[in-house]
Amino acid sequence: MSELRVSPGPGIPGGLIVPSGELLERFSRSSGPGGQGVNTTDSRVQLSLDLAASSAFNDRQRERVLSRLSERLVGTTITIDASEHRSQRRNRTAARQRLAEILREALAPAPPQRRATRPTRGSQRRRLAAKRRRGEIKNDRARPAADD
């Protein structure tokens, strides 16, 4: 097949093209649907990409992808399995789409973190005054003390 195209998104405004020479495809027998054909055809696809050696990323992108996908990597290689379709061609397409989506999400910059703020002095006073008023209301509901 041809190179892998990653559509433009946050972090990759021009998109990304991974050359086909950097993608490694392996085929094996699938355990999925297909009846008797499962036993004879190599329809399962394993698509691998070595992220550290890929020429598709610049240094910043490579750093971001390696750190974000560290849980899924074996060394610096990511592998995608596809066996949900009966035909090898459709599994190859599915694996490429899945890899492109994973790379697109990994290259997106992290959303800005919430900055912790403290309540203002006035809001603290209002909160405590409301609590005191509520307590007084509850005290007024109590039975009057017995006068001896």
Protein backbone atom coordinates (compact mmCIF):
# COMPACT_ATOMS: atom_id res chain seq x y z
CA MET A 1 0.00 0.00 0.00
CA SER A 2 1.00 3.64 -0.04
CA GLU A 3 2.15 6.00 2.68
CA LEU A 4 0.07 6.72 5.78
CA ARG A 5 -1.67 10.09 5.77
CA VAL A 6 -2.66 11.72 9.05
CA SER A 7 -5.27 14.44 8.57
CA PRO A 8 -4.58 17.97 9.87
CA GLY A 9 -5.52 18.71 13.45
CA PRO A 10 -4.26 20.49 16.56
CA GLY A 11 -0.48 20.12 16.74
CA ILE A 12 -0.24 19.13 13.06
CA PRO A 13 -1.86 21.95 11.05
CA GLY A 14 -0.52 20.65 7.73
CA GLY A 15 -1.22 17.02 8.43
CA LEU A 16 1.43 14.31 8.42
CA ILE A 17 2.66 11.75 5.90
CA VAL A 18 4.47 8.61 7.08
CA PRO A 19 6.42 7.03 4.20
CA SER A 20 5.35 3.50 3.29
CA GLY A 21 8.93 2.24 3.77
CA GLU A 22 8.72 2.99 7.50
CA LEU A 23 5.56 0.91 7.98
CA LEU A 24 5.94 -2.81 8.63
CA GLU A 25 2.96 -5.04 7.87
CA ARG A 26 2.72 -8.66 9.00
CA PHE A 27 -0.12 -11.02 8.20
CA SER A 28 -1.42 -14.02 10.12
CA ARG A 29 -4.53 -16.13 10.47
CA SER A 30 -7.37 -14.32 12.13
CA SER A 31 -9.61 -15.73 14.83
CA GLY A 32 -12.47 -13.45 13.84
CA PRO A 33 -15.40 -13.97 11.46
CA GLY A 34 -14.98 -15.81 8.20
CA GLY A 35 -16.12 -19.40 8.64
CA GLN A 36 -13.86 -22.02 7.09
CA GLY A 37 -11.91 -19.29 5.29
CA VAL A 38 -10.36 -18.24 8.61
CA ASN A 39 -8.28 -21.41 8.61
CA THR A 40 -6.76 -20.79 5.17
CA THR A 41 -6.30 -17.04 4.69
CA ASP A 42 -3.92 -14.67 6.42
CA SER A 43 -6.44 -11.88 6.96
CA ARG A 44 -5.18 -10.52 10.30
CA VAL A 45 -2.90 -7.49 9.92
CA GLN A 46 -0.25 -6.20 12.32
CA LEU A 47 0.93 -2.72 11.37
CA SER A 48 4.09 -1.47 13.11
CA LEU A 49 5.87 1.88 13.09
CA ASP A 50 9.15 2.74 14.83
CA LEU A 51 8.40 6.23 16.15
CA ALA A 52 12.00 7.06 17.09
CA ALA A 53 13.35 6.24 13.62
CA SER A 54 10.50 7.78 11.62
CA SER A 55 11.35 10.73 9.38
CA ALA A 56 7.73 11.95 9.47
CA PHE A 57 8.12 13.73 12.83
CA ASN A 58 10.21 16.69 13.86
CA ASP A 59 12.04 16.49 17.21
CA ARG A 60 9.22 18.12 19.22
CA GLN A 61 6.56 15.91 17.67
CA ARG A 62 8.68 12.79 18.23
CA GLU A 63 9.15 13.69 21.91
CA ARG A 64 5.40 14.29 22.35
CA VAL A 65 4.39 11.05 20.59
CA LEU A 66 6.89 8.93 22.53
CA SER A 67 5.80 10.34 25.89
CA ARG A 68 2.06 10.19 25.18
CA LEU A 69 2.10 6.65 23.75
CA SER A 70 4.68 5.21 26.17
CA GLU A 71 2.10 2.77 27.59
CA ARG A 72 1.45 1.25 24.16
CA LEU A 73 5.04 1.06 22.91
CA VAL A 74 7.43 -1.87 22.82
CA GLY A 75 10.75 -0.04 22.80
CA THR A 76 9.89 2.79 20.45
CA THR A 77 7.60 0.78 18.16
CA ILE A 78 3.82 0.96 18.12
CA THR A 79 1.89 -2.00 16.73
CA ILE A 80 -1.76 -2.04 15.68
CA ASP A 81 -3.70 -5.30 15.20
CA ALA A 82 -6.71 -5.46 12.91
CA SER A 83 -8.76 -8.62 12.45
CA GLU A 84 -12.34 -7.41 12.52
CA HIS A 85 -12.97 -7.87 8.79
CA ARG A 86 -12.94 -11.00 6.66
CA SER A 87 -10.65 -9.61 3.98
CA GLN A 88 -6.99 -8.72 4.39
CA ARG A 89 -7.42 -5.53 2.36
CA ARG A 90 -10.13 -4.18 4.68
CA ASN A 91 -8.05 -5.09 7.75
CA ARG A 92 -5.05 -3.25 6.25
CA THR A 93 -7.21 -0.16 5.75
CA ALA A 94 -8.64 -0.44 9.28
CA ALA A 95 -5.16 -0.75 10.82
CA ARG A 96 -3.92 2.31 8.92
CA GLN A 97 -6.95 4.37 9.94
CA ARG A 98 -6.50 3.36 13.57
CA LEU A 99 -2.77 4.21 13.55
CA ALA A 100 -3.48 7.59 11.90
CA GLU A 101 -6.10 8.41 14.56
CA ILE A 102 -3.77 7.38 17.42
CA LEU A 103 -0.95 9.54 16.02
CA ARG A 104 -3.33 12.47 15.49
CA GLU A 105 -4.52 12.32 19.11
CA ALA A 106 -0.97 11.90 20.46
CA LEU A 107 0.30 14.94 18.54
CA ALA A 108 -2.45 17.24 19.84
CA PRO A 109 -1.15 19.63 22.50
CA ALA A 110 -2.37 19.08 26.06
CA PRO A 111 -5.31 21.29 27.08
CA PRO A 112 -4.40 24.13 29.45
CA GLN A 113 -4.57 23.12 33.10
CA ARG A 114 -6.92 24.86 35.51
CA ARG A 115 -5.13 27.34 37.71
CA ALA A 116 -6.03 26.89 41.37
CA THR A 117 -7.63 29.96 42.93
CA ARG A 118 -8.59 30.86 46.47
CA PRO A 119 -11.98 32.19 47.59
CA THR A 120 -12.02 35.94 48.24
CA ARG A 121 -12.21 37.26 51.77
CA GLY A 122 -15.67 38.69 51.11
CA SER A 123 -17.03 35.36 49.85
CA GLN A 124 -15.61 33.61 52.93
CA ARG A 125 -17.33 36.15 55.22
CA ARG A 126 -20.65 35.76 53.38
CA ARG A 127 -20.44 31.97 53.60
CA LEU A 128 -19.74 32.03 57.36
CA ALA A 129 -22.49 34.62 57.99
CA ALA A 130 -24.99 32.43 56.10
CA LYS A 131 -23.92 29.42 58.19
CA ARG A 132 -24.44 31.43 61.41
CA ARG A 133 -27.91 32.57 60.27
CA ARG A 134 -28.85 29.00 59.41
CA GLY A 135 -27.65 27.80 62.82
CA GLU A 136 -29.70 30.50 64.58
CA ILE A 137 -32.82 29.47 62.64
CA LYS A 138 -32.32 25.87 63.74
CA ASN A 139 -31.73 26.94 67.36
CA ASP A 140 -35.00 28.91 67.31
CA ARG A 141 -36.85 25.68 66.37
CA ALA A 142 -35.63 23.90 69.52
CA ARG A 143 -38.03 23.40 72.45
CA PRO A 144 -37.78 26.11 75.04
CA ALA A 145 -35.83 25.22 78.14
CA ALA A 146 -37.95 24.23 81.17
CA ASP A 147 -38.00 27.04 83.77
CA ASP A 148 -37.83 25.75 87.34
